[in-house]
Amino acid sequence: MWNQLEELLKAKKMSRYKLSKLTGIRQTTLQSYKDGAEPSFKNMIKIADALDVSLDYFRKRDD
């Protein structure tokens, strides 16, 4: 999930700080997602809404 999130942040030229402000999710919580923690469904909705994407974007892709 984190890889897709970082791709979106780069594409939208958005920092984690700005994402934190838009979603109300603390930066430490976002960092925990980078470190491997699974985000709650509620937080995933906030992130998807802030980045203007569907939740499906974050589904794991089978490679």
C-alpha atoms as a PDB file:
ATOM      1  CA  MET A   1       0.000   0.000   0.000  1.00  0.00           C
ATOM      2  CA  TRP A   2       2.770   2.424   0.854  1.00  0.00           C
ATOM      3  CA  ASN A   3       4.320   2.201  -2.618  1.00  0.00           C
ATOM      4  CA  GLN A   4       1.054   3.205  -4.261  1.00  0.00           C
ATOM      5  CA  LEU A   5       0.658   6.036  -1.761  1.00  0.00           C
ATOM      6  CA  GLU A   6       4.159   7.375  -2.413  1.00  0.00           C
ATOM      7  CA  GLU A   7       3.563   7.219  -6.189  1.00  0.00           C
ATOM      8  CA  LEU A   8       0.414   9.296  -5.774  1.00  0.00           C
ATOM      9  CA  LEU A   9       2.067  11.812  -3.491  1.00  0.00           C
ATOM     10  CA  LYS A  10       4.861  12.330  -6.012  1.00  0.00           C
ATOM     11  CA  ALA A  11       2.452  12.574  -8.941  1.00  0.00           C
ATOM     12  CA  LYS A  12       0.338  15.150  -7.113  1.00  0.00           C
ATOM     13  CA  LYS A  13       3.411  16.951  -5.726  1.00  0.00           C
ATOM     14  CA  MET A  14       2.069  16.548  -2.207  1.00  0.00           C
ATOM     15  CA  SER A  15       4.082  16.070   0.958  1.00  0.00           C
ATOM     16  CA  ARG A  16       3.192  13.734   3.799  1.00  0.00           C
ATOM     17  CA  TYR A  17       2.739  16.880   5.883  1.00  0.00           C
ATOM     18  CA  LYS A  18       0.057  18.197   3.522  1.00  0.00           C
ATOM     19  CA  LEU A  19      -1.614  14.774   3.411  1.00  0.00           C
ATOM     20  CA  SER A  20      -1.643  14.805   7.190  1.00  0.00           C
ATOM     21  CA  LYS A  21      -3.293  18.233   7.231  1.00  0.00           C
ATOM     22  CA  LEU A  22      -5.898  17.255   4.610  1.00  0.00           C
ATOM     23  CA  THR A  23      -6.840  13.994   6.299  1.00  0.00           C
ATOM     24  CA  GLY A  24      -6.382  14.792   9.981  1.00  0.00           C
ATOM     25  CA  ILE A  25      -4.127  11.735  10.248  1.00  0.00           C
ATOM     26  CA  ARG A  26      -1.037  12.409  12.340  1.00  0.00           C
ATOM     27  CA  GLN A  27       2.331  12.305  10.585  1.00  0.00           C
ATOM     28  CA  THR A  28       3.492   9.664  13.056  1.00  0.00           C
ATOM     29  CA  THR A  29       0.580   7.482  11.975  1.00  0.00           C
ATOM     30  CA  LEU A  30       1.499   7.965   8.311  1.00  0.00           C
ATOM     31  CA  GLN A  31       5.074   7.010   9.189  1.00  0.00           C
ATOM     32  CA  SER A  32       3.820   3.831  10.850  1.00  0.00           C
ATOM     33  CA  TYR A  33       2.106   2.924   7.561  1.00  0.00           C
ATOM     34  CA  LYS A  34       5.422   3.361   5.795  1.00  0.00           C
ATOM     35  CA  ASP A  35       6.985   1.083   8.405  1.00  0.00           C
ATOM     36  CA  GLY A  36       4.429  -1.637   7.638  1.00  0.00           C
ATOM     37  CA  ALA A  37       1.415  -0.977   9.865  1.00  0.00           C
ATOM     38  CA  GLU A  38      -1.958  -1.576   8.257  1.00  0.00           C
ATOM     39  CA  PRO A  39      -4.154   1.532   8.080  1.00  0.00           C
ATOM     40  CA  SER A  40      -7.716   1.392   9.313  1.00  0.00           C
ATOM     41  CA  PHE A  41     -10.497   1.398   6.744  1.00  0.00           C
ATOM     42  CA  LYS A  42     -11.575   4.815   8.034  1.00  0.00           C
ATOM     43  CA  ASN A  43      -8.097   6.246   7.442  1.00  0.00           C
ATOM     44  CA  MET A  44      -7.866   4.660   3.999  1.00  0.00           C
ATOM     45  CA  ILE A  45     -11.078   6.441   3.049  1.00  0.00           C
ATOM     46  CA  LYS A  46      -9.617   9.743   4.245  1.00  0.00           C
ATOM     47  CA  ILE A  47      -6.413   9.163   2.274  1.00  0.00           C
ATOM     48  CA  ALA A  48      -8.240   8.127  -0.897  1.00  0.00           C
ATOM     49  CA  ASP A  49     -10.547  11.148  -0.652  1.00  0.00           C
ATOM     50  CA  ALA A  50      -7.645  13.556  -0.078  1.00  0.00           C
ATOM     51  CA  LEU A  51      -5.802  12.155  -3.096  1.00  0.00           C
ATOM     52  CA  ASP A  52      -8.968  11.973  -5.222  1.00  0.00           C
ATOM     53  CA  VAL A  53      -8.679   8.263  -5.999  1.00  0.00           C
ATOM     54  CA  SER A  54     -10.808   5.190  -5.458  1.00  0.00           C
ATOM     55  CA  LEU A  55     -10.035   2.810  -2.607  1.00  0.00           C
ATOM     56  CA  ASP A  56      -9.445   0.228  -5.329  1.00  0.00           C
ATOM     57  CA  TYR A  57      -6.239   2.052  -6.233  1.00  0.00           C
ATOM     58  CA  PHE A  58      -4.672   0.763  -3.018  1.00  0.00           C
ATOM     59  CA  ARG A  59      -5.642  -2.876  -3.467  1.00  0.00           C
ATOM     60  CA  LYS A  60      -2.661  -5.149  -3.642  1.00  0.00           C
ATOM     61  CA  ARG A  61      -1.732  -5.963  -7.186  1.00  0.00           C
ATOM     62  CA  ASP A  62      -0.817  -9.492  -8.131  1.00  0.00           C
ATOM     63  CA  ASP A  63       2.457  -9.294 -10.019  1.00  0.00           C
END
